[in-house]
Amino acid sequence: MTVLFPPRPVPASPRAPLAALPQPVAAVLTDRTDDVAVAQAAARSALLRQAPLLLIAVLPHARPGRRPAPSAPEVRAVLGRVLPGVEPLGLGHIPAVFTPVTRRASRLAAPWLLLDLASRHRAPQVFAARHSPYGLDAHALIEAASHRGGPRVHAVGPGRWAPLLPRPQGAAR
């Protein structure tokens, strides 16, 4: 009698089960002023789940065929705007880079690829701005997520406006 399924070799060291790994909460950063509100909403959700943040920097002007590393200056410039509001919470963060589709493709091609990136990092929640360039607004991401079956996408409105410089004491309104 021939054995159809030979016994599997037992690994020498036990591996951590996949469910024990943290599932980060993703925030889509498109280098706009809405990024701060998106990162803060994602940080609040990650704080409740005790999970790290997956900060996805969208870089549309990367050279074709060359994806910048998460430690590249362009990525650090995008992340530098949101990290001062996130770091005091004591959350870990994972930088990631997404370059949108440059060739003519369907309307949902870029959101679909961005959700693939979030899924590779096992992120069950994605936070995005309501209005965003490159076809990566929350509504397009929600539509792409409904077609592919996840992850859950949250739309974040623009943050409250605050003046850059404080008003002088004697200034009239």
Protein backbone atom coordinates (compact mmCIF):
# COMPACT_ATOMS: atom_id res chain seq x y z
CA MET A 1 0.00 0.00 0.00
CA THR A 2 1.35 3.41 -1.02
CA VAL A 3 1.20 6.31 1.43
CA LEU A 4 -0.46 9.22 -0.31
CA PHE A 5 0.33 11.84 2.29
CA PRO A 6 3.74 11.43 3.92
CA PRO A 7 4.01 12.69 7.51
CA ARG A 8 5.05 16.31 7.88
CA PRO A 9 8.36 17.03 9.54
CA VAL A 10 8.02 18.59 12.99
CA PRO A 11 9.71 22.01 13.20
CA ALA A 12 12.65 22.25 15.58
CA SER A 13 11.36 25.41 17.27
CA PRO A 14 7.71 26.25 17.89
CA ARG A 15 6.40 29.17 15.86
CA ALA A 16 4.04 31.77 17.22
CA PRO A 17 0.50 31.18 16.00
CA LEU A 18 -0.62 33.63 13.34
CA ALA A 19 -3.46 34.92 15.51
CA ALA A 20 -1.00 35.96 18.22
CA LEU A 21 0.68 38.53 15.98
CA PRO A 22 -0.62 42.10 16.31
CA GLN A 23 -2.97 43.36 13.63
CA PRO A 24 -2.10 47.00 12.93
CA VAL A 25 -4.62 49.73 12.19
CA ALA A 26 -3.82 51.37 8.83
CA ALA A 27 -3.88 55.10 8.07
CA VAL A 28 -3.62 56.34 4.46
CA LEU A 29 -1.46 59.49 4.31
CA THR A 30 -1.63 61.44 1.04
CA ASP A 31 0.63 64.39 1.99
CA ARG A 32 -2.27 66.77 2.69
CA THR A 33 -3.49 68.63 5.73
CA ASP A 34 -6.17 65.97 6.35
CA ASP A 35 -3.40 63.48 7.21
CA VAL A 36 -3.24 64.68 10.81
CA ALA A 37 -6.94 63.98 11.39
CA VAL A 38 -6.66 60.57 9.68
CA ALA A 39 -3.64 59.56 11.77
CA GLN A 40 -5.27 60.72 15.01
CA ALA A 41 -8.48 58.76 14.28
CA ALA A 42 -6.44 55.66 13.46
CA ALA A 43 -4.34 56.16 16.60
CA ARG A 44 -7.47 56.32 18.78
CA SER A 45 -8.69 53.04 17.30
CA ALA A 46 -5.25 51.44 17.65
CA LEU A 47 -5.04 52.59 21.27
CA LEU A 48 -8.34 50.85 22.04
CA ARG A 49 -7.15 47.66 20.33
CA GLN A 50 -3.60 47.93 21.76
CA ALA A 51 -2.23 47.53 18.25
CA PRO A 52 0.46 49.35 16.27
CA LEU A 53 -0.26 51.82 13.47
CA LEU A 54 0.44 51.04 9.84
CA LEU A 55 1.18 54.43 8.29
CA ILE A 56 0.84 54.11 4.50
CA ALA A 57 2.49 57.06 2.74
CA VAL A 58 1.14 57.57 -0.79
CA LEU A 59 3.91 58.81 -3.09
CA PRO A 60 2.57 59.41 -6.61
CA HIS A 61 5.73 60.98 -7.99
CA ALA A 62 8.05 58.03 -7.45
CA ARG A 63 10.04 56.93 -10.46
CA PRO A 64 8.43 54.08 -12.41
CA GLY A 65 9.75 50.70 -11.36
CA ARG A 66 11.43 52.16 -8.28
CA ARG A 67 9.59 52.17 -4.98
CA PRO A 68 11.17 54.32 -2.26
CA ALA A 69 12.09 52.60 0.98
CA PRO A 70 10.12 53.47 4.15
CA SER A 71 13.24 55.25 5.42
CA ALA A 72 13.53 57.50 2.33
CA PRO A 73 13.40 61.29 2.86
CA GLU A 74 10.14 61.63 0.92
CA VAL A 75 8.43 59.14 3.22
CA ARG A 76 9.90 60.71 6.35
CA ALA A 77 8.57 64.11 5.22
CA VAL A 78 5.01 62.71 4.96
CA LEU A 79 5.28 60.87 8.27
CA GLY A 80 6.92 63.84 9.99
CA ARG A 81 3.66 65.77 9.80
CA VAL A 82 1.64 63.17 11.73
CA LEU A 83 4.13 61.56 14.12
CA PRO A 84 4.18 64.43 16.67
CA GLY A 85 0.48 63.82 17.32
CA VAL A 86 0.82 60.02 17.46
CA GLU A 87 4.09 59.40 19.34
CA PRO A 88 2.88 60.73 22.74
CA LEU A 89 0.28 57.94 22.80
CA GLY A 90 3.06 55.35 23.03
CA LEU A 91 1.92 53.38 19.99
CA GLY A 92 4.33 51.61 17.71
CA HIS A 93 4.15 52.44 14.03
CA ILE A 94 5.04 50.60 10.85
CA PRO A 95 5.87 52.81 7.86
CA ALA A 96 4.81 51.60 4.43
CA VAL A 97 4.97 53.13 0.96
CA PHE A 98 2.33 52.97 -1.76
CA THR A 99 2.81 54.27 -5.29
CA PRO A 100 -0.48 54.58 -7.22
CA VAL A 101 -0.98 53.04 -10.64
CA THR A 102 0.48 55.35 -13.29
CA ARG A 103 -0.79 53.59 -16.43
CA ARG A 104 -4.38 53.84 -17.56
CA ALA A 105 -6.28 51.38 -15.43
CA SER A 106 -9.73 51.04 -13.96
CA ARG A 107 -11.05 53.52 -11.43
CA LEU A 108 -10.69 51.02 -8.58
CA ALA A 109 -7.19 49.77 -9.50
CA ALA A 110 -5.34 52.06 -7.07
CA PRO A 111 -7.74 51.47 -4.13
CA TRP A 112 -7.61 47.73 -4.78
CA LEU A 113 -3.78 47.71 -4.67
CA LEU A 114 -3.73 49.86 -1.54
CA LEU A 115 -6.10 47.44 0.20
CA ASP A 116 -3.82 44.59 -0.91
CA LEU A 117 -0.95 46.35 0.85
CA ALA A 118 -3.03 46.73 4.02
CA SER A 119 -4.06 43.07 3.83
CA ARG A 120 -0.45 41.93 3.50
CA HIS A 121 0.20 43.64 6.83
CA ARG A 122 -2.98 41.98 8.21
CA ALA A 123 -4.70 45.32 8.97
CA PRO A 124 -8.41 44.78 9.68
CA GLN A 125 -9.19 48.54 9.64
CA VAL A 126 -8.12 51.27 7.22
CA PHE A 127 -8.64 54.98 7.90
CA ALA A 128 -8.68 57.41 4.96
CA ALA A 129 -9.71 61.00 4.26
CA ARG A 130 -13.13 61.63 2.73
CA HIS A 131 -11.59 63.65 -0.10
CA SER A 132 -8.20 62.63 -1.36
CA PRO A 133 -6.22 62.81 -4.58
CA TYR A 134 -5.14 59.91 -6.83
CA GLY A 135 -8.51 58.15 -6.47
CA LEU A 136 -7.69 57.04 -2.92
CA ASP A 137 -10.51 58.77 -1.06
CA ALA A 138 -12.46 56.80 1.52
CA HIS A 139 -15.44 56.29 -0.79
CA ALA A 140 -13.34 54.57 -3.47
CA LEU A 141 -11.63 52.46 -0.80
CA ILE A 142 -15.02 51.45 0.65
CA GLU A 143 -16.21 50.43 -2.81
CA ALA A 144 -13.05 48.42 -3.51
CA ALA A 145 -13.27 46.78 -0.07
CA SER A 146 -16.88 45.77 -0.71
CA HIS A 147 -15.83 44.10 -3.97
CA ARG A 148 -12.93 42.21 -2.45
CA GLY A 149 -14.44 41.43 0.96
CA GLY A 150 -12.49 43.55 3.43
CA PRO A 151 -10.84 45.23 5.32
CA ARG A 152 -13.16 47.69 7.01
CA VAL A 153 -12.64 51.27 5.78
CA HIS A 154 -13.42 54.36 7.89
CA ALA A 155 -13.92 57.81 6.35
CA VAL A 156 -12.36 60.68 8.32
CA GLY A 157 -13.47 64.27 7.84
CA PRO A 158 -11.07 67.17 7.77
CA GLY A 159 -9.64 68.27 11.08
CA ARG A 160 -10.62 71.44 12.88
CA TRP A 161 -9.01 74.55 11.50
CA ALA A 162 -6.52 76.23 13.82
CA PRO A 163 -4.46 79.31 13.05
CA LEU A 164 -0.76 78.72 12.60
CA LEU A 165 0.17 81.73 14.72
CA PRO A 166 -1.64 82.75 17.89
CA ARG A 167 -3.60 85.99 17.72
CA PRO A 168 -1.94 88.91 19.57
CA GLN A 169 -3.63 89.98 22.80
CA GLY A 170 -4.80 93.40 21.64
CA ALA A 171 -5.85 92.44 18.12
CA ALA A 172 -9.42 93.16 17.09
CA ARG A 173 -11.61 90.46 15.60
